[in-house]
Amino acid sequence: MKSRLVASAAISALVLLGATGCTFITPQSTKIEYSGSDGVNVSDSDGPIDVRNAFVVANEDGSVGNFIGAVVNPTTEKATLTMTVAGLDPFTVTVPAGKTVSFGADEEPLRIDGLDTKPGATVEIHFQSGDGAGTKTQVPVLDGSLPYYADLVPTAEKAEPTPVPTDTAAPAPQE
C-alpha cells in the first residue's frame, strides 16, 4: 500500500513538473519591451532625446509623407533632434527642457517630400541628438484607411501661393 502511495506521489510530482517546468527556462513575455501601438519607439543611447510612437502617414503612391510621433526631452536643458531620411534634407527639431513635442497631435506633422515609400512598407530614418552618432530605425509607413489617420494623409502637391494678377496688358495700337 505504501509503495502505491509513493508511486502515486512520484507520478503527481512528474506531471506537475512537466506541466509547469517550462516556465523555468522560458523568457517572460512581460519583460520584453515593444511598441504597443502602430509606431516605433526610438531611444538614442548617445543623446538626450527619445522618440515615441514614430510612424509616417503617406499618400497612396508614397511620394509624400507626414512624420507623426512624440519627441521627448527629459533633461533640464533644451535639446535638438535631427531626423534624416536617406537622400532628403534633414529635419531639425528643438525641444524645450522637460517637454514633449507631439507631431500630428499638438503640432503639425513634419512633411516629407520625396518619400518614395508606399504605405505598408518601412522607411529608414536616422535619429540623432546630442554629440552621439545616433540611431537608424525602420519606421512604419501607414495610409489613411484607419479613420483616426485619415486627416493626417498629406496631399501630393505642396500648397503653392496663389498668383496675384498683374496689369500687364499692352496698350492698344494707335492708328
N, C-alpha and C. Protein backbone atom coordinates (compact mmCIF):
# COMPACT_ATOMS: atom_id res chain seq x y z
N MET A 1 0.82 -1.18 0.00
CA MET A 1 0.00 0.00 0.00
C MET A 1 0.87 1.26 0.00
N LYS A 2 1.96 1.19 0.81
CA LYS A 2 2.84 2.34 0.86
C LYS A 2 3.52 2.56 -0.47
N SER A 3 3.86 1.51 -1.17
CA SER A 3 4.52 1.67 -2.46
C SER A 3 3.59 2.32 -3.48
N ARG A 4 2.29 2.02 -3.40
CA ARG A 4 1.33 2.67 -4.28
C ARG A 4 1.23 4.16 -3.97
N LEU A 5 1.25 4.51 -2.72
CA LEU A 5 1.17 5.90 -2.30
C LEU A 5 2.42 6.66 -2.75
N VAL A 6 3.58 6.06 -2.62
CA VAL A 6 4.84 6.68 -3.05
C VAL A 6 4.85 6.82 -4.58
N ALA A 7 4.42 5.80 -5.29
CA ALA A 7 4.38 5.85 -6.75
C ALA A 7 3.39 6.91 -7.22
N SER A 8 2.25 6.99 -6.55
CA SER A 8 1.25 8.00 -6.91
C SER A 8 1.79 9.41 -6.68
N ALA A 9 2.50 9.64 -5.59
CA ALA A 9 3.09 10.94 -5.30
C ALA A 9 4.18 11.27 -6.31
N ALA A 10 4.98 10.27 -6.69
CA ALA A 10 6.05 10.50 -7.67
C ALA A 10 5.46 10.84 -9.04
N ILE A 11 4.43 10.16 -9.46
CA ILE A 11 3.79 10.45 -10.75
C ILE A 11 3.15 11.83 -10.71
N SER A 12 2.51 12.19 -9.60
CA SER A 12 1.91 13.52 -9.47
C SER A 12 2.98 14.61 -9.55
N ALA A 13 4.11 14.38 -8.92
CA ALA A 13 5.21 15.35 -8.96
C ALA A 13 5.75 15.49 -10.38
N LEU A 14 5.89 14.39 -11.11
CA LEU A 14 6.36 14.44 -12.50
C LEU A 14 5.36 15.17 -13.40
N VAL A 15 4.08 14.92 -13.22
CA VAL A 15 3.06 15.60 -14.02
C VAL A 15 3.07 17.10 -13.71
N LEU A 16 3.16 17.43 -12.43
CA LEU A 16 3.21 18.83 -12.03
C LEU A 16 4.45 19.52 -12.58
N LEU A 17 5.59 18.86 -12.51
CA LEU A 17 6.83 19.43 -13.05
C LEU A 17 6.75 19.55 -14.57
N GLY A 18 6.18 18.56 -15.23
CA GLY A 18 6.04 18.61 -16.69
C GLY A 18 5.09 19.70 -17.14
N ALA A 19 4.07 19.96 -16.37
CA ALA A 19 3.08 20.97 -16.76
C ALA A 19 3.56 22.40 -16.47
N THR A 20 4.41 22.57 -15.48
CA THR A 20 4.82 23.92 -15.11
C THR A 20 6.32 24.16 -15.27
N GLY A 21 7.06 23.16 -15.60
CA GLY A 21 8.53 23.29 -15.68
C GLY A 21 9.00 24.17 -16.81
N CYS A 22 8.18 24.38 -17.84
CA CYS A 22 8.59 25.20 -18.98
C CYS A 22 8.89 26.64 -18.57
N THR A 23 8.20 27.10 -17.54
CA THR A 23 8.40 28.49 -17.15
C THR A 23 9.75 28.73 -16.50
N PHE A 24 10.45 27.69 -16.14
CA PHE A 24 11.77 27.86 -15.55
C PHE A 24 12.80 28.27 -16.61
N ILE A 25 12.59 27.86 -17.86
CA ILE A 25 13.58 28.14 -18.91
C ILE A 25 13.07 29.09 -19.99
N THR A 26 11.78 29.40 -19.98
CA THR A 26 11.19 30.27 -21.00
C THR A 26 11.27 31.73 -20.54
N PRO A 27 11.71 32.63 -21.43
CA PRO A 27 11.73 34.05 -21.03
C PRO A 27 10.31 34.56 -20.79
N GLN A 28 10.18 35.45 -19.83
CA GLN A 28 8.88 36.01 -19.52
C GLN A 28 8.50 37.05 -20.56
N SER A 29 7.34 36.90 -21.16
CA SER A 29 6.88 37.83 -22.19
C SER A 29 6.69 39.24 -21.66
N THR A 30 6.37 39.37 -20.40
CA THR A 30 6.13 40.69 -19.84
C THR A 30 7.41 41.50 -19.66
N LYS A 31 8.55 40.85 -19.80
CA LYS A 31 9.82 41.57 -19.67
C LYS A 31 10.39 42.00 -21.02
N ILE A 32 9.70 41.65 -22.11
CA ILE A 32 10.15 42.03 -23.45
C ILE A 32 9.58 43.40 -23.79
N GLU A 33 10.46 44.38 -24.07
CA GLU A 33 10.00 45.71 -24.44
C GLU A 33 9.57 45.73 -25.90
N TYR A 34 8.46 46.38 -26.17
CA TYR A 34 7.95 46.52 -27.54
C TYR A 34 7.12 47.78 -27.63
N SER A 35 6.86 48.20 -28.84
CA SER A 35 5.99 49.35 -29.07
C SER A 35 4.56 48.84 -29.15
N GLY A 36 3.74 49.29 -28.25
CA GLY A 36 2.37 48.79 -28.16
C GLY A 36 1.40 49.52 -29.06
N SER A 37 1.88 50.21 -30.09
CA SER A 37 1.00 50.95 -30.97
C SER A 37 1.45 50.73 -32.41
N ASP A 38 0.99 51.59 -33.32
CA ASP A 38 1.34 51.44 -34.72
C ASP A 38 2.77 51.89 -35.02
N GLY A 39 3.31 52.77 -34.21
CA GLY A 39 4.64 53.31 -34.45
C GLY A 39 5.72 52.57 -33.67
N VAL A 40 6.93 53.11 -33.74
CA VAL A 40 8.07 52.53 -33.03
C VAL A 40 8.63 53.56 -32.06
N ASN A 41 9.26 53.06 -31.00
CA ASN A 41 9.95 53.92 -30.06
C ASN A 41 11.43 53.92 -30.40
N VAL A 42 12.05 55.09 -30.30
CA VAL A 42 13.47 55.22 -30.63
C VAL A 42 14.17 55.89 -29.46
N SER A 43 15.17 55.21 -28.93
CA SER A 43 15.99 55.79 -27.88
C SER A 43 17.41 55.91 -28.41
N ASP A 44 17.89 57.13 -28.47
CA ASP A 44 19.26 57.37 -28.89
C ASP A 44 20.13 57.25 -27.65
N SER A 45 20.83 56.12 -27.53
CA SER A 45 21.61 55.87 -26.31
C SER A 45 22.70 56.92 -26.09
N ASP A 46 23.12 57.59 -27.16
CA ASP A 46 24.16 58.62 -27.04
C ASP A 46 23.59 60.00 -26.77
N GLY A 47 22.32 60.20 -27.04
CA GLY A 47 21.74 61.54 -26.96
C GLY A 47 20.64 61.63 -25.93
N PRO A 48 20.23 62.85 -25.62
CA PRO A 48 19.24 63.05 -24.57
C PRO A 48 17.79 62.84 -24.99
N ILE A 49 17.49 62.88 -26.28
CA ILE A 49 16.09 62.88 -26.73
C ILE A 49 15.62 61.48 -27.11
N ASP A 50 14.36 61.18 -26.75
CA ASP A 50 13.71 59.94 -27.14
C ASP A 50 12.54 60.26 -28.06
N VAL A 51 12.19 59.31 -28.92
CA VAL A 51 11.05 59.47 -29.82
C VAL A 51 10.08 58.34 -29.51
N ARG A 52 8.82 58.68 -29.38
CA ARG A 52 7.78 57.70 -29.03
C ARG A 52 6.74 57.61 -30.13
N ASN A 53 6.35 56.38 -30.44
CA ASN A 53 5.29 56.08 -31.41
C ASN A 53 5.51 56.80 -32.74
N ALA A 54 6.69 56.64 -33.30
CA ALA A 54 7.04 57.28 -34.58
C ALA A 54 6.54 56.45 -35.75
N PHE A 55 5.84 57.11 -36.67
CA PHE A 55 5.43 56.49 -37.92
C PHE A 55 5.21 57.57 -38.95
N VAL A 56 5.04 57.16 -40.20
CA VAL A 56 4.81 58.08 -41.30
C VAL A 56 3.48 57.72 -41.93
N VAL A 57 2.63 58.73 -42.16
CA VAL A 57 1.38 58.53 -42.90
C VAL A 57 1.63 59.09 -44.29
N ALA A 58 1.53 58.22 -45.30
CA ALA A 58 1.85 58.62 -46.68
C ALA A 58 0.61 58.64 -47.55
N ASN A 59 0.75 59.36 -48.67
CA ASN A 59 -0.33 59.33 -49.66
C ASN A 59 -0.28 57.99 -50.39
N GLU A 60 -1.23 57.75 -51.28
CA GLU A 60 -1.38 56.45 -51.91
C GLU A 60 -0.15 55.97 -52.67
N ASP A 61 0.52 56.87 -53.40
CA ASP A 61 1.69 56.45 -54.18
C ASP A 61 2.99 56.54 -53.39
N GLY A 62 2.94 57.01 -52.15
CA GLY A 62 4.13 57.05 -51.30
C GLY A 62 5.11 58.14 -51.63
N SER A 63 4.70 59.13 -52.41
CA SER A 63 5.62 60.20 -52.80
C SER A 63 5.77 61.26 -51.71
N VAL A 64 4.77 61.38 -50.85
CA VAL A 64 4.78 62.38 -49.78
C VAL A 64 4.29 61.72 -48.50
N GLY A 65 4.92 62.06 -47.40
CA GLY A 65 4.50 61.51 -46.11
C GLY A 65 4.51 62.56 -45.03
N ASN A 66 3.81 62.28 -43.96
CA ASN A 66 3.82 63.12 -42.77
C ASN A 66 4.41 62.32 -41.62
N PHE A 67 5.48 62.84 -41.00
CA PHE A 67 6.06 62.19 -39.83
C PHE A 67 5.18 62.50 -38.63
N ILE A 68 4.79 61.45 -37.90
CA ILE A 68 3.97 61.57 -36.71
C ILE A 68 4.75 60.93 -35.56
N GLY A 69 4.74 61.57 -34.41
CA GLY A 69 5.40 61.00 -33.25
C GLY A 69 5.62 62.03 -32.17
N ALA A 70 5.95 61.56 -30.99
CA ALA A 70 6.24 62.43 -29.86
C ALA A 70 7.74 62.46 -29.63
N VAL A 71 8.30 63.66 -29.55
CA VAL A 71 9.74 63.84 -29.30
C VAL A 71 9.87 64.33 -27.85
N VAL A 72 10.55 63.53 -27.03
CA VAL A 72 10.61 63.76 -25.59
C VAL A 72 12.01 64.20 -25.16
N ASN A 73 12.07 65.29 -24.40
CA ASN A 73 13.33 65.77 -23.83
C ASN A 73 13.21 65.73 -22.31
N PRO A 74 13.74 64.68 -21.66
CA PRO A 74 13.62 64.58 -20.21
C PRO A 74 14.69 65.36 -19.44
N THR A 75 15.56 66.09 -20.13
CA THR A 75 16.66 66.77 -19.48
C THR A 75 16.25 68.15 -18.97
N THR A 76 17.18 68.81 -18.32
CA THR A 76 16.92 70.15 -17.78
C THR A 76 17.39 71.25 -18.72
N GLU A 77 17.83 70.88 -19.92
CA GLU A 77 18.25 71.87 -20.92
C GLU A 77 17.57 71.55 -22.25
N LYS A 78 17.37 72.60 -23.07
CA LYS A 78 16.77 72.34 -24.38
C LYS A 78 17.72 71.48 -25.20
N ALA A 79 17.15 70.69 -26.08
CA ALA A 79 17.95 69.77 -26.89
C ALA A 79 17.40 69.74 -28.32
N THR A 80 18.26 69.35 -29.24
CA THR A 80 17.89 69.32 -30.66
C THR A 80 17.98 67.88 -31.18
N LEU A 81 16.98 67.51 -31.97
CA LEU A 81 16.93 66.21 -32.62
C LEU A 81 16.99 66.44 -34.12
N THR A 82 17.87 65.69 -34.80
CA THR A 82 17.95 65.74 -36.26
C THR A 82 17.46 64.39 -36.79
N MET A 83 16.50 64.45 -37.73
CA MET A 83 15.96 63.24 -38.35
C MET A 83 16.29 63.28 -39.84
N THR A 84 16.88 62.20 -40.34
CA THR A 84 17.30 62.17 -41.73
C THR A 84 16.77 60.93 -42.43
N VAL A 85 16.08 61.16 -43.55
CA VAL A 85 15.67 60.08 -44.45
C VAL A 85 16.68 60.10 -45.59
N ALA A 86 17.22 58.94 -45.96
CA ALA A 86 18.27 58.87 -46.99
C ALA A 86 17.87 59.63 -48.26
N GLY A 87 18.77 60.48 -48.73
CA GLY A 87 18.55 61.21 -49.96
C GLY A 87 17.75 62.49 -49.81
N LEU A 88 17.29 62.80 -48.61
CA LEU A 88 16.47 64.00 -48.39
C LEU A 88 17.15 64.92 -47.38
N ASP A 89 16.76 66.18 -47.38
CA ASP A 89 17.28 67.13 -46.41
C ASP A 89 16.83 66.73 -45.01
N PRO A 90 17.71 66.87 -44.01
CA PRO A 90 17.33 66.50 -42.65
C PRO A 90 16.34 67.49 -42.03
N PHE A 91 15.59 67.00 -41.05
CA PHE A 91 14.68 67.81 -40.26
C PHE A 91 15.34 68.05 -38.91
N THR A 92 15.24 69.26 -38.40
CA THR A 92 15.79 69.57 -37.09
C THR A 92 14.67 70.07 -36.20
N VAL A 93 14.58 69.49 -35.01
CA VAL A 93 13.54 69.84 -34.05
C VAL A 93 14.21 70.19 -32.73
N THR A 94 13.90 71.35 -32.18
CA THR A 94 14.40 71.73 -30.86
C THR A 94 13.27 71.58 -29.85
N VAL A 95 13.58 70.85 -28.77
CA VAL A 95 12.58 70.57 -27.75
C VAL A 95 13.02 71.24 -26.44
N PRO A 96 12.14 72.06 -25.86
CA PRO A 96 12.49 72.70 -24.58
C PRO A 96 12.75 71.68 -23.47
N ALA A 97 13.46 72.11 -22.46
CA ALA A 97 13.80 71.24 -21.33
C ALA A 97 12.55 70.67 -20.67
N GLY A 98 12.57 69.36 -20.44
CA GLY A 98 11.47 68.70 -19.75
C GLY A 98 10.15 68.68 -20.49
N LYS A 99 10.17 68.89 -21.79
CA LYS A 99 8.92 68.97 -22.58
C LYS A 99 8.84 67.86 -23.61
N THR A 100 7.65 67.73 -24.18
CA THR A 100 7.37 66.79 -25.26
C THR A 100 6.72 67.56 -26.40
N VAL A 101 7.19 67.32 -27.62
CA VAL A 101 6.58 67.90 -28.81
C VAL A 101 5.91 66.75 -29.57
N SER A 102 4.59 66.83 -29.74
CA SER A 102 3.83 65.76 -30.40
C SER A 102 3.43 66.19 -31.79
N PHE A 103 4.13 65.65 -32.80
CA PHE A 103 3.80 65.94 -34.19
C PHE A 103 2.58 65.12 -34.59
N GLY A 104 1.58 65.80 -35.16
CA GLY A 104 0.34 65.15 -35.53
C GLY A 104 -0.73 65.26 -34.47
N ALA A 105 -0.35 65.74 -33.28
CA ALA A 105 -1.33 65.96 -32.21
C ALA A 105 -1.32 67.44 -31.83
N ASP A 106 -0.30 67.84 -31.06
CA ASP A 106 -0.20 69.24 -30.63
C ASP A 106 0.43 70.13 -31.70
N GLU A 107 1.29 69.56 -32.51
CA GLU A 107 2.00 70.29 -33.57
C GLU A 107 1.62 69.69 -34.92
N GLU A 108 1.80 70.49 -35.97
CA GLU A 108 1.57 69.98 -37.33
C GLU A 108 2.58 68.86 -37.62
N PRO A 109 2.19 67.84 -38.39
CA PRO A 109 3.15 66.79 -38.76
C PRO A 109 4.29 67.37 -39.59
N LEU A 110 5.43 66.69 -39.57
CA LEU A 110 6.55 67.09 -40.41
C LEU A 110 6.37 66.49 -41.79
N ARG A 111 6.26 67.32 -42.80
CA ARG A 111 6.02 66.87 -44.18
C ARG A 111 7.33 66.37 -44.78
N ILE A 112 7.28 65.18 -45.38
CA ILE A 112 8.44 64.59 -46.04
C ILE A 112 8.14 64.52 -47.53
N ASP A 113 8.67 65.47 -48.30
CA ASP A 113 8.51 65.44 -49.76
C ASP A 113 9.58 64.54 -50.34
N GLY A 114 9.22 63.76 -51.36
CA GLY A 114 10.18 62.85 -51.99
C GLY A 114 10.38 61.58 -51.18
N LEU A 115 9.38 61.16 -50.45
CA LEU A 115 9.48 59.99 -49.57
C LEU A 115 9.81 58.72 -50.34
N ASP A 116 9.10 58.43 -51.41
CA ASP A 116 9.33 57.26 -52.26
C ASP A 116 9.20 55.94 -51.49
N THR A 117 8.21 55.84 -50.61
CA THR A 117 7.93 54.61 -49.87
C THR A 117 6.43 54.47 -49.72
N LYS A 118 5.88 53.39 -50.26
CA LYS A 118 4.43 53.19 -50.23
C LYS A 118 3.97 52.72 -48.85
N PRO A 119 2.71 53.03 -48.52
CA PRO A 119 2.15 52.52 -47.26
C PRO A 119 2.23 51.00 -47.19
N GLY A 120 2.53 50.52 -46.01
CA GLY A 120 2.71 49.08 -45.80
C GLY A 120 4.17 48.70 -45.68
N ALA A 121 5.05 49.56 -46.12
CA ALA A 121 6.49 49.30 -46.03
C ALA A 121 7.06 50.06 -44.83
N THR A 122 8.36 50.06 -44.72
CA THR A 122 9.04 50.86 -43.71
C THR A 122 10.05 51.76 -44.41
N VAL A 123 10.41 52.84 -43.72
CA VAL A 123 11.42 53.75 -44.23
C VAL A 123 12.47 53.90 -43.13
N GLU A 124 13.74 53.88 -43.53
CA GLU A 124 14.81 54.02 -42.55
C GLU A 124 15.04 55.50 -42.26
N ILE A 125 14.93 55.86 -40.99
CA ILE A 125 15.16 57.23 -40.56
C ILE A 125 16.29 57.22 -39.53
N HIS A 126 17.23 58.13 -39.69
CA HIS A 126 18.34 58.28 -38.75
C HIS A 126 17.97 59.37 -37.75
N PHE A 127 17.94 59.03 -36.47
CA PHE A 127 17.63 59.96 -35.39
C PHE A 127 18.92 60.26 -34.64
N GLN A 128 19.26 61.54 -34.50
CA GLN A 128 20.49 61.92 -33.81
C GLN A 128 20.24 63.12 -32.92
N SER A 129 20.66 63.01 -31.66
CA SER A 129 20.58 64.13 -30.72
C SER A 129 21.85 64.14 -29.89
N GLY A 130 22.21 65.30 -29.42
CA GLY A 130 23.44 65.41 -28.64
C GLY A 130 24.67 65.21 -29.50
N ASP A 131 25.74 64.73 -28.90
CA ASP A 131 27.01 64.54 -29.60
C ASP A 131 27.20 63.13 -30.15
N GLY A 132 26.24 62.26 -29.93
CA GLY A 132 26.38 60.86 -30.34
C GLY A 132 26.19 60.64 -31.82
N ALA A 133 26.42 59.40 -32.22
CA ALA A 133 26.31 59.02 -33.63
C ALA A 133 24.86 58.86 -34.07
N GLY A 134 23.95 58.64 -33.13
CA GLY A 134 22.55 58.49 -33.48
C GLY A 134 22.15 57.04 -33.70
N THR A 135 20.88 56.87 -34.09
CA THR A 135 20.30 55.55 -34.27
C THR A 135 19.50 55.51 -35.56
N LYS A 136 19.72 54.48 -36.38
CA LYS A 136 18.89 54.26 -37.57
C LYS A 136 17.80 53.27 -37.20
N THR A 137 16.58 53.62 -37.59
CA THR A 137 15.43 52.79 -37.24
C THR A 137 14.49 52.67 -38.43
N GLN A 138 13.93 51.48 -38.61
CA GLN A 138 12.91 51.26 -39.63
C GLN A 138 11.57 51.75 -39.06
N VAL A 139 11.01 52.76 -39.69
CA VAL A 139 9.77 53.39 -39.23
C VAL A 139 8.64 52.96 -40.17
N PRO A 140 7.51 52.48 -39.62
CA PRO A 140 6.42 52.04 -40.48
C PRO A 140 5.77 53.20 -41.24
N VAL A 141 5.34 52.89 -42.47
CA VAL A 141 4.63 53.86 -43.31
C VAL A 141 3.20 53.36 -43.43
N LEU A 142 2.27 54.18 -42.97
CA LEU A 142 0.85 53.83 -42.96
C LEU A 142 0.08 54.67 -43.96
N ASP A 143 -1.18 54.32 -44.17
CA ASP A 143 -2.04 55.12 -45.04
C ASP A 143 -3.19 55.67 -44.20
N GLY A 144 -4.16 56.27 -44.83
CA GLY A 144 -5.28 56.86 -44.12
C GLY A 144 -6.50 55.97 -44.04
N SER A 145 -6.35 54.66 -44.20
CA SER A 145 -7.51 53.79 -44.19
C SER A 145 -8.15 53.70 -42.80
N LEU A 146 -7.38 53.90 -41.74
CA LEU A 146 -7.97 53.96 -40.41
C LEU A 146 -8.51 55.37 -40.18
N PRO A 147 -9.71 55.49 -39.65
CA PRO A 147 -10.35 56.81 -39.54
C PRO A 147 -9.51 57.85 -38.78
N TYR A 148 -8.77 57.41 -37.75
CA TYR A 148 -8.02 58.37 -36.96
C TYR A 148 -6.73 58.82 -37.64
N TYR A 149 -6.37 58.22 -38.76
CA TYR A 149 -5.21 58.68 -39.54
C TYR A 149 -5.63 59.39 -40.83
N ALA A 150 -6.91 59.36 -41.15
CA ALA A 150 -7.39 59.90 -42.43
C ALA A 150 -7.03 61.37 -42.61
N ASP A 151 -7.12 62.17 -41.55
CA ASP A 151 -6.80 63.59 -41.70
C ASP A 151 -5.31 63.89 -41.64
N LEU A 152 -4.48 62.87 -41.47
CA LEU A 152 -3.03 63.05 -41.43
C LEU A 152 -2.36 62.74 -42.78
N VAL A 153 -3.15 62.25 -43.75
CA VAL A 153 -2.61 61.94 -45.08
C VAL A 153 -2.28 63.24 -45.80
N PRO A 154 -1.04 63.38 -46.27
CA PRO A 154 -0.69 64.63 -46.98
C PRO A 154 -1.21 64.63 -48.40
N THR A 155 -1.37 65.82 -48.95
CA THR A 155 -1.72 65.93 -50.35
C THR A 155 -0.44 65.77 -51.16
N ALA A 156 -0.56 65.39 -52.42
CA ALA A 156 0.62 65.14 -53.25
C ALA A 156 1.39 66.41 -53.56
N GLU A 157 0.70 67.52 -53.70
CA GLU A 157 1.38 68.76 -54.05
C GLU A 157 1.47 69.65 -52.83
N LYS A 158 2.56 70.38 -52.75
CA LYS A 158 2.69 71.42 -51.73
C LYS A 158 1.74 72.54 -52.10
N ALA A 159 1.21 73.18 -51.11
CA ALA A 159 0.33 74.31 -51.37
C ALA A 159 1.16 75.45 -51.93
N GLU A 160 0.88 75.82 -53.14
CA GLU A 160 1.59 76.92 -53.79
C GLU A 160 0.86 78.22 -53.52
N PRO A 161 1.59 79.31 -53.39
CA PRO A 161 0.89 80.58 -53.20
C PRO A 161 0.02 80.91 -54.41
N THR A 162 -1.10 81.54 -54.16
CA THR A 162 -2.00 81.93 -55.23
C THR A 162 -1.37 83.09 -56.00
N PRO A 163 -1.28 82.96 -57.33
CA PRO A 163 -0.68 84.05 -58.10
C PRO A 163 -1.52 85.32 -58.00
N VAL A 164 -0.84 86.43 -57.92
CA VAL A 164 -1.51 87.72 -57.85
C VAL A 164 -1.61 88.26 -59.27
N PRO A 165 -2.83 88.58 -59.74
CA PRO A 165 -2.95 89.10 -61.10
C PRO A 165 -2.26 90.47 -61.21
N THR A 166 -1.62 90.66 -62.32
CA THR A 166 -0.97 91.96 -62.59
C THR A 166 -1.53 92.55 -63.86
N ASP A 167 -1.46 93.83 -63.98
CA ASP A 167 -1.96 94.51 -65.17
C ASP A 167 -0.82 94.63 -66.16
N THR A 168 -0.72 93.64 -67.01
CA THR A 168 0.37 93.62 -68.00
C THR A 168 -0.15 93.74 -69.43
N ALA A 169 -1.38 94.15 -69.56
CA ALA A 169 -1.96 94.27 -70.90
C ALA A 169 -1.19 95.36 -71.69
N ALA A 170 -0.92 95.04 -72.92
CA ALA A 170 -0.22 96.01 -73.77
C ALA A 170 -1.21 97.10 -74.22
N PRO A 171 -0.73 98.30 -74.38
CA PRO A 171 -1.64 99.36 -74.84
C PRO A 171 -2.13 99.08 -76.25
N ALA A 172 -3.32 99.53 -76.51
CA ALA A 172 -3.92 99.33 -77.84
C ALA A 172 -3.10 100.10 -78.87
N PRO A 173 -2.88 99.48 -80.06
CA PRO A 173 -2.11 100.17 -81.09
C PRO A 173 -2.85 101.43 -81.54
N GLN A 174 -2.07 102.47 -81.80
CA GLN A 174 -2.66 103.73 -82.23
C GLN A 174 -2.63 103.82 -83.74
N GLU A 175 -3.68 104.38 -84.31
CA GLU A 175 -3.78 104.48 -85.75
C GLU A 175 -3.42 105.82 -86.25
